[in-house]
């Protein structure tokens, strides 16, 4: 995937331009369906649980995600670009994750 297209860069700039939780909620709701928002929230929850070493089956049960999706989240959490690690660190859930390696950095 390339982030260098004009459309992708505009999306990144748009997200960076959001200033409040209310603005972010409103933008995300206009951008995505309710189902997409719910799915992404579940993936973030799965990343938190994986960082806490919760078993896949428990994550699947608690989030409703498929085993394939949990495995994909795990792949990106531990071997991806570091995005999940950054946000989990900023949410103060797992400050040690970044020191454990950042994947694509």
N, C-alpha and C. Protein backbone atom coordinates (compact mmCIF):
# COMPACT_ATOMS: atom_id res chain seq x y z
N UNK A 1 0.84 -1.18 0.00
CA UNK A 1 0.00 0.00 0.00
C UNK A 1 0.88 1.24 0.00
N UNK A 2 0.46 2.22 -0.74
CA UNK A 2 1.19 3.48 -0.75
C UNK A 2 0.33 4.59 -0.14
N UNK A 3 0.96 5.37 0.71
CA UNK A 3 0.30 6.53 1.30
C UNK A 3 0.54 7.78 0.47
N UNK A 4 1.29 7.66 -0.61
CA UNK A 4 1.72 8.83 -1.36
C UNK A 4 0.72 9.32 -2.41
N UNK A 5 -0.42 8.67 -2.54
CA UNK A 5 -1.40 9.19 -3.49
C UNK A 5 -2.01 10.46 -2.89
N UNK A 6 -2.51 11.32 -3.74
CA UNK A 6 -3.11 12.58 -3.28
C UNK A 6 -4.30 12.30 -2.36
N UNK A 7 -5.10 11.29 -2.70
CA UNK A 7 -6.28 10.97 -1.90
C UNK A 7 -5.88 10.48 -0.51
N UNK A 8 -4.89 9.60 -0.44
CA UNK A 8 -4.45 9.08 0.86
C UNK A 8 -3.82 10.17 1.71
N UNK A 9 -3.04 11.04 1.10
CA UNK A 9 -2.44 12.14 1.83
C UNK A 9 -3.51 13.10 2.37
N UNK A 10 -4.55 13.33 1.57
CA UNK A 10 -5.64 14.20 2.01
C UNK A 10 -6.37 13.59 3.21
N UNK A 11 -6.54 12.28 3.20
CA UNK A 11 -7.18 11.60 4.34
C UNK A 11 -6.34 11.77 5.60
N UNK A 12 -5.04 11.57 5.50
CA UNK A 12 -4.14 11.74 6.65
C UNK A 12 -4.22 13.18 7.15
N UNK A 13 -4.18 14.14 6.24
CA UNK A 13 -4.26 15.55 6.63
C UNK A 13 -5.59 15.85 7.31
N UNK A 14 -6.66 15.26 6.81
CA UNK A 14 -7.98 15.48 7.40
C UNK A 14 -8.02 14.97 8.84
N UNK A 15 -7.48 13.79 9.07
CA UNK A 15 -7.47 13.22 10.42
C UNK A 15 -6.61 14.07 11.34
N UNK A 16 -5.47 14.51 10.86
CA UNK A 16 -4.60 15.38 11.67
C UNK A 16 -5.26 16.72 11.99
N UNK A 17 -6.19 17.15 11.16
CA UNK A 17 -6.86 18.42 11.38
C UNK A 17 -7.96 18.38 12.44
N UNK A 18 -8.35 17.19 12.87
CA UNK A 18 -9.40 17.07 13.89
C UNK A 18 -8.86 17.52 15.24
N UNK A 19 -9.65 18.28 15.98
CA UNK A 19 -9.15 18.87 17.22
C UNK A 19 -9.82 18.32 18.48
N UNK A 20 -11.03 17.79 18.38
CA UNK A 20 -11.74 17.33 19.57
C UNK A 20 -12.32 15.94 19.33
N UNK A 21 -12.73 15.30 20.42
CA UNK A 21 -13.39 14.00 20.30
C UNK A 21 -14.69 14.14 19.51
N UNK A 22 -15.42 15.22 19.74
CA UNK A 22 -16.67 15.45 19.02
C UNK A 22 -16.42 15.57 17.52
N UNK A 23 -15.42 16.36 17.12
CA UNK A 23 -15.09 16.48 15.70
C UNK A 23 -14.72 15.13 15.11
N UNK A 24 -13.95 14.36 15.86
CA UNK A 24 -13.50 13.05 15.37
C UNK A 24 -14.67 12.11 15.21
N UNK A 25 -15.55 12.06 16.20
CA UNK A 25 -16.74 11.20 16.11
C UNK A 25 -17.59 11.59 14.90
N UNK A 26 -17.78 12.88 14.70
CA UNK A 26 -18.61 13.34 13.58
C UNK A 26 -17.98 13.01 12.24
N UNK A 27 -16.66 13.21 12.12
CA UNK A 27 -15.97 12.89 10.87
C UNK A 27 -16.01 11.39 10.59
N UNK A 28 -15.69 10.58 11.60
CA UNK A 28 -15.68 9.14 11.39
C UNK A 28 -17.07 8.63 11.02
N UNK A 29 -18.11 9.19 11.63
CA UNK A 29 -19.46 8.74 11.31
C UNK A 29 -19.84 9.12 9.88
N UNK A 30 -19.41 10.28 9.42
CA UNK A 30 -19.68 10.66 8.03
C UNK A 30 -18.85 9.84 7.05
N UNK A 31 -17.64 9.46 7.47
CA UNK A 31 -16.72 8.73 6.60
C UNK A 31 -17.07 7.25 6.48
N UNK A 32 -17.50 6.65 7.60
CA UNK A 32 -17.69 5.20 7.64
C UNK A 32 -19.11 4.84 8.05
N UNK A 33 -19.48 3.60 7.77
CA UNK A 33 -20.75 3.09 8.24
C UNK A 33 -20.63 2.76 9.73
N UNK A 34 -21.78 2.60 10.38
CA UNK A 34 -21.76 2.20 11.79
C UNK A 34 -21.04 0.85 11.95
N UNK A 35 -21.27 -0.04 11.01
CA UNK A 35 -20.63 -1.36 11.06
C UNK A 35 -19.11 -1.27 10.97
N UNK A 36 -18.62 -0.38 10.11
CA UNK A 36 -17.17 -0.20 9.98
C UNK A 36 -16.58 0.37 11.26
N UNK A 37 -17.26 1.34 11.86
CA UNK A 37 -16.77 1.91 13.11
C UNK A 37 -16.71 0.84 14.18
N UNK A 38 -17.76 0.05 14.28
CA UNK A 38 -17.80 -1.03 15.27
C UNK A 38 -16.68 -2.04 15.03
N UNK A 39 -16.45 -2.39 13.78
CA UNK A 39 -15.39 -3.34 13.44
C UNK A 39 -14.02 -2.81 13.85
N UNK A 40 -13.74 -1.55 13.54
CA UNK A 40 -12.44 -0.98 13.89
C UNK A 40 -12.27 -0.87 15.40
N UNK A 41 -13.34 -0.56 16.11
CA UNK A 41 -13.28 -0.51 17.58
C UNK A 41 -12.98 -1.89 18.15
N UNK A 42 -13.57 -2.92 17.56
CA UNK A 42 -13.30 -4.30 18.00
C UNK A 42 -11.84 -4.68 17.74
N UNK A 43 -11.30 -4.25 16.61
CA UNK A 43 -9.90 -4.55 16.31
C UNK A 43 -8.96 -3.88 17.30
N UNK A 44 -9.26 -2.65 17.68
CA UNK A 44 -8.45 -1.97 18.69
C UNK A 44 -8.54 -2.70 20.02
N UNK A 45 -9.75 -3.14 20.39
CA UNK A 45 -9.92 -3.92 21.62
C UNK A 45 -9.12 -5.21 21.55
N UNK A 46 -9.13 -5.86 20.40
CA UNK A 46 -8.35 -7.09 20.23
C UNK A 46 -6.86 -6.81 20.40
N UNK A 47 -6.38 -5.70 19.86
CA UNK A 47 -4.97 -5.34 20.02
C UNK A 47 -4.63 -5.14 21.49
N UNK A 48 -5.51 -4.47 22.22
CA UNK A 48 -5.28 -4.29 23.66
C UNK A 48 -5.20 -5.64 24.37
N UNK A 49 -6.12 -6.52 24.03
CA UNK A 49 -6.16 -7.84 24.67
C UNK A 49 -4.94 -8.67 24.30
N UNK A 50 -4.53 -8.61 23.04
CA UNK A 50 -3.33 -9.33 22.61
C UNK A 50 -2.10 -8.83 23.35
N UNK A 51 -2.02 -7.52 23.54
CA UNK A 51 -0.90 -6.95 24.27
C UNK A 51 -0.89 -7.43 25.72
N UNK A 52 -2.07 -7.74 26.23
CA UNK A 52 -2.20 -8.27 27.59
C UNK A 52 -2.06 -9.80 27.63
N UNK A 53 -1.73 -10.38 26.48
CA UNK A 53 -1.53 -11.83 26.34
C UNK A 53 -2.81 -12.64 26.61
N UNK A 54 -3.95 -12.08 26.26
CA UNK A 54 -5.22 -12.79 26.37
C UNK A 54 -5.28 -13.81 25.23
N UNK A 55 -5.72 -15.04 25.51
CA UNK A 55 -5.79 -16.07 24.46
C UNK A 55 -6.75 -15.68 23.33
N UNK A 56 -6.41 -16.14 22.13
CA UNK A 56 -7.22 -15.83 20.94
C UNK A 56 -8.68 -16.18 21.16
N UNK A 57 -8.97 -17.36 21.69
CA UNK A 57 -10.36 -17.80 21.85
C UNK A 57 -11.14 -16.84 22.74
N UNK A 58 -10.52 -16.34 23.78
CA UNK A 58 -11.17 -15.37 24.66
C UNK A 58 -11.43 -14.07 23.90
N UNK A 59 -10.47 -13.65 23.11
CA UNK A 59 -10.63 -12.42 22.32
C UNK A 59 -11.78 -12.59 21.32
N UNK A 60 -11.82 -13.74 20.66
CA UNK A 60 -12.89 -14.01 19.70
C UNK A 60 -14.25 -13.95 20.40
N UNK A 61 -14.35 -14.57 21.57
CA UNK A 61 -15.61 -14.61 22.32
C UNK A 61 -16.03 -13.22 22.78
N UNK A 62 -15.10 -12.45 23.31
CA UNK A 62 -15.43 -11.13 23.87
C UNK A 62 -15.68 -10.07 22.80
N UNK A 63 -15.03 -10.19 21.64
CA UNK A 63 -15.17 -9.16 20.61
C UNK A 63 -16.11 -9.56 19.47
N UNK A 64 -16.29 -10.86 19.28
CA UNK A 64 -17.07 -11.32 18.15
C UNK A 64 -16.29 -11.37 16.86
N UNK A 65 -14.98 -11.10 16.94
CA UNK A 65 -14.12 -11.15 15.75
C UNK A 65 -13.81 -12.60 15.39
N UNK A 66 -13.54 -12.83 14.12
CA UNK A 66 -13.15 -14.17 13.68
C UNK A 66 -11.70 -14.44 14.08
N UNK A 67 -11.35 -15.72 14.09
CA UNK A 67 -9.96 -16.09 14.40
C UNK A 67 -9.01 -15.50 13.37
N UNK A 68 -9.44 -15.41 12.13
CA UNK A 68 -8.61 -14.81 11.08
C UNK A 68 -8.34 -13.34 11.36
N UNK A 69 -9.36 -12.61 11.79
CA UNK A 69 -9.17 -11.19 12.09
C UNK A 69 -8.28 -11.00 13.31
N UNK A 70 -8.47 -11.82 14.34
CA UNK A 70 -7.61 -11.73 15.52
C UNK A 70 -6.16 -12.01 15.13
N UNK A 71 -5.95 -13.01 14.30
CA UNK A 71 -4.59 -13.33 13.84
C UNK A 71 -4.00 -12.16 13.04
N UNK A 72 -4.81 -11.52 12.23
CA UNK A 72 -4.34 -10.37 11.44
C UNK A 72 -3.97 -9.20 12.35
N UNK A 73 -4.81 -8.94 13.36
CA UNK A 73 -4.50 -7.87 14.32
C UNK A 73 -3.19 -8.20 15.04
N UNK A 74 -3.02 -9.45 15.43
CA UNK A 74 -1.79 -9.87 16.10
C UNK A 74 -0.58 -9.65 15.20
N UNK A 75 -0.71 -10.01 13.94
CA UNK A 75 0.39 -9.83 12.99
C UNK A 75 0.78 -8.35 12.92
N UNK A 76 -0.20 -7.46 12.79
CA UNK A 76 0.10 -6.04 12.67
C UNK A 76 0.54 -5.44 13.99
N UNK A 77 0.04 -5.96 15.11
CA UNK A 77 0.47 -5.46 16.42
C UNK A 77 1.94 -5.76 16.65
N UNK A 78 2.35 -6.98 16.37
CA UNK A 78 3.70 -7.40 16.71
C UNK A 78 4.71 -7.31 15.56
N UNK A 79 4.23 -7.23 14.31
CA UNK A 79 5.16 -7.20 13.18
C UNK A 79 4.76 -6.19 12.10
N UNK A 80 3.93 -5.26 12.46
CA UNK A 80 3.45 -4.30 11.46
C UNK A 80 4.27 -3.02 11.46
N UNK A 81 3.60 -1.94 11.15
CA UNK A 81 4.26 -0.63 11.04
C UNK A 81 4.39 0.08 12.39
N UNK A 82 3.83 -0.51 13.44
CA UNK A 82 3.92 0.09 14.76
C UNK A 82 2.74 0.98 15.14
N UNK A 83 1.74 1.05 14.28
CA UNK A 83 0.58 1.92 14.54
C UNK A 83 -0.20 1.52 15.78
N UNK A 84 -0.49 0.23 15.92
CA UNK A 84 -1.19 -0.23 17.12
C UNK A 84 -0.37 0.08 18.36
N UNK A 85 0.93 -0.16 18.30
CA UNK A 85 1.79 0.09 19.46
C UNK A 85 1.79 1.56 19.84
N UNK A 86 1.83 2.42 18.86
CA UNK A 86 1.82 3.86 19.14
C UNK A 86 0.54 4.24 19.86
N UNK A 87 -0.60 3.81 19.32
CA UNK A 87 -1.87 4.25 19.91
C UNK A 87 -2.09 3.60 21.27
N UNK A 88 -1.71 2.35 21.45
CA UNK A 88 -1.86 1.72 22.76
C UNK A 88 -0.97 2.42 23.78
N UNK A 89 0.21 2.81 23.37
CA UNK A 89 1.10 3.55 24.26
C UNK A 89 0.47 4.90 24.63
N UNK A 90 -0.08 5.58 23.66
CA UNK A 90 -0.68 6.90 23.92
C UNK A 90 -1.94 6.80 24.75
N UNK A 91 -2.62 5.69 24.67
CA UNK A 91 -3.80 5.48 25.51
C UNK A 91 -3.41 5.00 26.90
N UNK A 92 -2.11 4.90 27.13
CA UNK A 92 -1.54 4.52 28.43
C UNK A 92 -1.87 3.09 28.85
N UNK A 93 -2.09 2.24 27.88
CA UNK A 93 -2.37 0.85 28.21
C UNK A 93 -1.11 0.02 28.32
N UNK A 94 -0.17 0.25 27.41
CA UNK A 94 0.99 -0.61 27.32
C UNK A 94 2.25 0.19 26.99
N UNK A 95 2.73 1.02 27.90
CA UNK A 95 3.89 1.85 27.57
C UNK A 95 5.14 1.04 27.24
N UNK A 96 5.20 -0.21 27.65
CA UNK A 96 6.38 -1.03 27.36
C UNK A 96 6.36 -1.61 25.96
N UNK A 97 5.21 -1.59 25.28
CA UNK A 97 5.12 -2.16 23.94
C UNK A 97 6.12 -1.52 22.98
N UNK A 98 6.26 -0.21 23.03
CA UNK A 98 7.17 0.47 22.11
C UNK A 98 8.61 0.06 22.34
N UNK A 99 8.97 -0.16 23.59
CA UNK A 99 10.34 -0.57 23.88
C UNK A 99 10.59 -2.00 23.47
N UNK A 100 9.52 -2.77 23.26
CA UNK A 100 9.66 -4.17 22.88
C UNK A 100 9.92 -4.33 21.39
N UNK A 101 9.94 -3.24 20.66
CA UNK A 101 10.15 -3.29 19.21
C UNK A 101 8.97 -2.65 18.51
N UNK A 102 9.22 -2.03 17.40
CA UNK A 102 8.17 -1.28 16.74
C UNK A 102 7.83 -1.82 15.36
N UNK A 103 8.23 -3.01 15.07
CA UNK A 103 7.85 -3.56 13.77
C UNK A 103 8.56 -2.85 12.64
N UNK A 104 7.80 -2.09 11.84
CA UNK A 104 8.33 -1.51 10.62
C UNK A 104 9.21 -0.29 10.77
N UNK A 105 9.55 0.13 11.95
CA UNK A 105 10.38 1.33 12.11
C UNK A 105 11.85 1.00 12.15
